[in-house]
Protein backbone atom coordinates (compact mmCIF):
# COMPACT_ATOMS: atom_id res chain seq x y z
CA MET A 1 -8.14 21.49 0.30
CA GLU A 2 -10.37 18.56 -0.81
CA PHE A 3 -10.25 14.89 0.25
CA ASP A 4 -8.11 13.23 -2.52
CA GLU A 5 -8.37 9.37 -2.46
CA GLN A 6 -4.99 8.79 -4.04
CA LYS A 7 -3.29 11.18 -1.52
CA ALA A 8 -5.19 9.39 1.36
CA ILE A 9 -3.83 6.09 0.05
CA GLU A 10 -0.28 7.41 -0.19
CA PHE A 11 -0.58 8.89 3.36
CA ILE A 12 -1.83 5.68 4.90
CA ASN A 13 0.85 3.53 3.20
CA ALA A 14 3.46 6.06 4.37
CA ARG A 15 2.28 5.75 7.84
CA LEU A 16 2.41 1.95 7.58
CA ALA A 17 5.88 2.09 6.25
CA GLU A 18 6.97 4.44 9.09
CA ALA A 19 5.73 1.92 11.54
CA GLY A 20 7.57 -0.83 9.96
CA ARG A 21 4.51 -2.54 8.49
CA PRO A 22 4.10 -3.65 4.89
CA THR A 23 2.26 -1.37 2.50
CA TYR A 24 -0.76 -2.43 0.46
CA PRO A 25 -1.83 -2.05 -3.10
CA ASP A 26 -3.96 1.00 -3.67
CA ASP A 27 -7.05 -1.14 -4.10
CA GLU A 28 -6.83 -2.66 -0.59
CA VAL A 29 -6.19 0.70 0.98
CA LEU A 30 -9.16 2.26 -0.94
CA ASN A 31 -11.33 -0.62 0.24
CA VAL A 32 -10.37 0.37 3.94
CA ILE A 33 -11.19 4.03 3.13
CA ASP A 34 -14.59 3.04 1.71
CA MET A 35 -15.43 1.09 4.82
CA ILE A 36 -14.45 4.06 7.02
CA TRP A 37 -16.85 6.30 4.92
CA ASP A 38 -19.59 3.62 4.93
CA PHE A 39 -19.24 3.56 8.85
CA TYR A 40 -19.55 7.45 8.70
CA GLN A 41 -22.63 7.29 6.62
CA GLU A 42 -24.36 4.47 8.58
CA ASN A 43 -23.77 6.51 11.71
CA GLY A 44 -24.91 9.91 10.52
CA LEU A 45 -21.43 11.27 10.75
CA LEU A 46 -21.31 12.99 7.43
CA ASP A 47 -23.52 15.85 8.53
CA VAL A 48 -21.77 19.21 8.09
CA ASP A 49 -22.93 20.33 11.54
CA LEU A 50 -20.48 18.00 13.28
CA SER A 51 -17.50 20.18 14.08
CA ASP A 52 -16.39 18.74 17.38
CA ASP A 53 -12.69 17.70 16.94
CA ASP A 54 -12.99 15.24 19.78
CA GLU A 55 -15.57 13.32 17.77
CA ASP A 56 -12.95 11.24 15.93
CA GLU A 57 -11.43 10.06 19.21
CA ASP A 58 -14.80 8.94 20.42
CA ILE A 59 -15.69 6.90 17.46
CA GLU A 60 -12.23 5.57 16.64
CA PRO A 61 -12.48 2.27 18.64
CA ASP A 62 -15.94 1.57 17.06
CA LEU A 63 -14.62 2.47 13.62
CA ILE A 64 -11.67 0.04 13.93
CA ASP A 65 -13.98 -2.71 15.16
CA TYR A 66 -16.25 -2.06 12.14
CA VAL A 67 -13.43 -2.08 9.60
CA THR A 68 -12.03 -5.30 11.07
CA ARG A 69 -15.49 -7.01 11.00
CA MET A 70 -15.97 -5.87 7.23
CA LEU A 71 -12.57 -7.06 6.22
CA ARG A 72 -13.29 -10.50 7.73
CA LYS A 73 -16.36 -10.51 5.66
CA ASP A 74 -14.47 -9.75 2.43
CA ARG A 75 -12.79 -12.84 1.45
CA ASP A 76 -10.64 -11.17 -1.09
CA ALA A 77 -9.17 -8.58 1.36
CA GLN A 78 -5.47 -8.88 1.93
CA VAL A 79 -5.27 -6.35 4.92
CA ASP A 80 -3.73 -7.87 8.17
CA PRO A 81 -6.19 -7.03 10.89
CA GLN A 82 -3.29 -5.91 13.12
CA ASP A 83 -2.74 -3.05 10.53
CA VAL A 84 -6.44 -1.68 10.84
CA PRO A 85 -5.93 0.53 13.83
CA LEU A 86 -2.97 2.22 12.31
CA MET A 87 -4.81 2.56 8.93
CA VAL A 88 -7.91 3.98 10.54
CA HIS A 89 -5.86 6.47 12.60
CA ALA A 90 -3.78 7.45 9.50
CA GLU A 91 -6.94 7.93 7.42
CA ILE A 92 -8.38 10.22 10.20
CA ASP A 93 -5.19 12.18 10.34
CA TYR A 94 -5.44 12.64 6.68
CA GLU A 95 -8.96 13.81 7.00
CA ASP A 96 -7.85 16.43 9.58
CA SER A 97 -5.04 17.56 7.37
CA VAL A 98 -7.42 18.53 4.51
CA LEU A 99 -10.19 20.18 6.71
């Protein structure tokens, strides 16, 4: 299976709804997904050689911090900072489900 942005957006919004949090427009969720992939790229995590499943757990706190910082800089972003950990975790779970 391939990574599908629309399915990732739906997955993340479903996880937010399950947690009793508001869902976000597709553009807002896609913005967070893009930030996550920017973090991967900036940290050399897109290398095919990385196959350690524990890798996500090790980077998750840094990834959450990164996304939170980037959202603060994005004046148009509507994502509540308290939703970032759940969204990041959901995106990683979606990635794992398609790999």
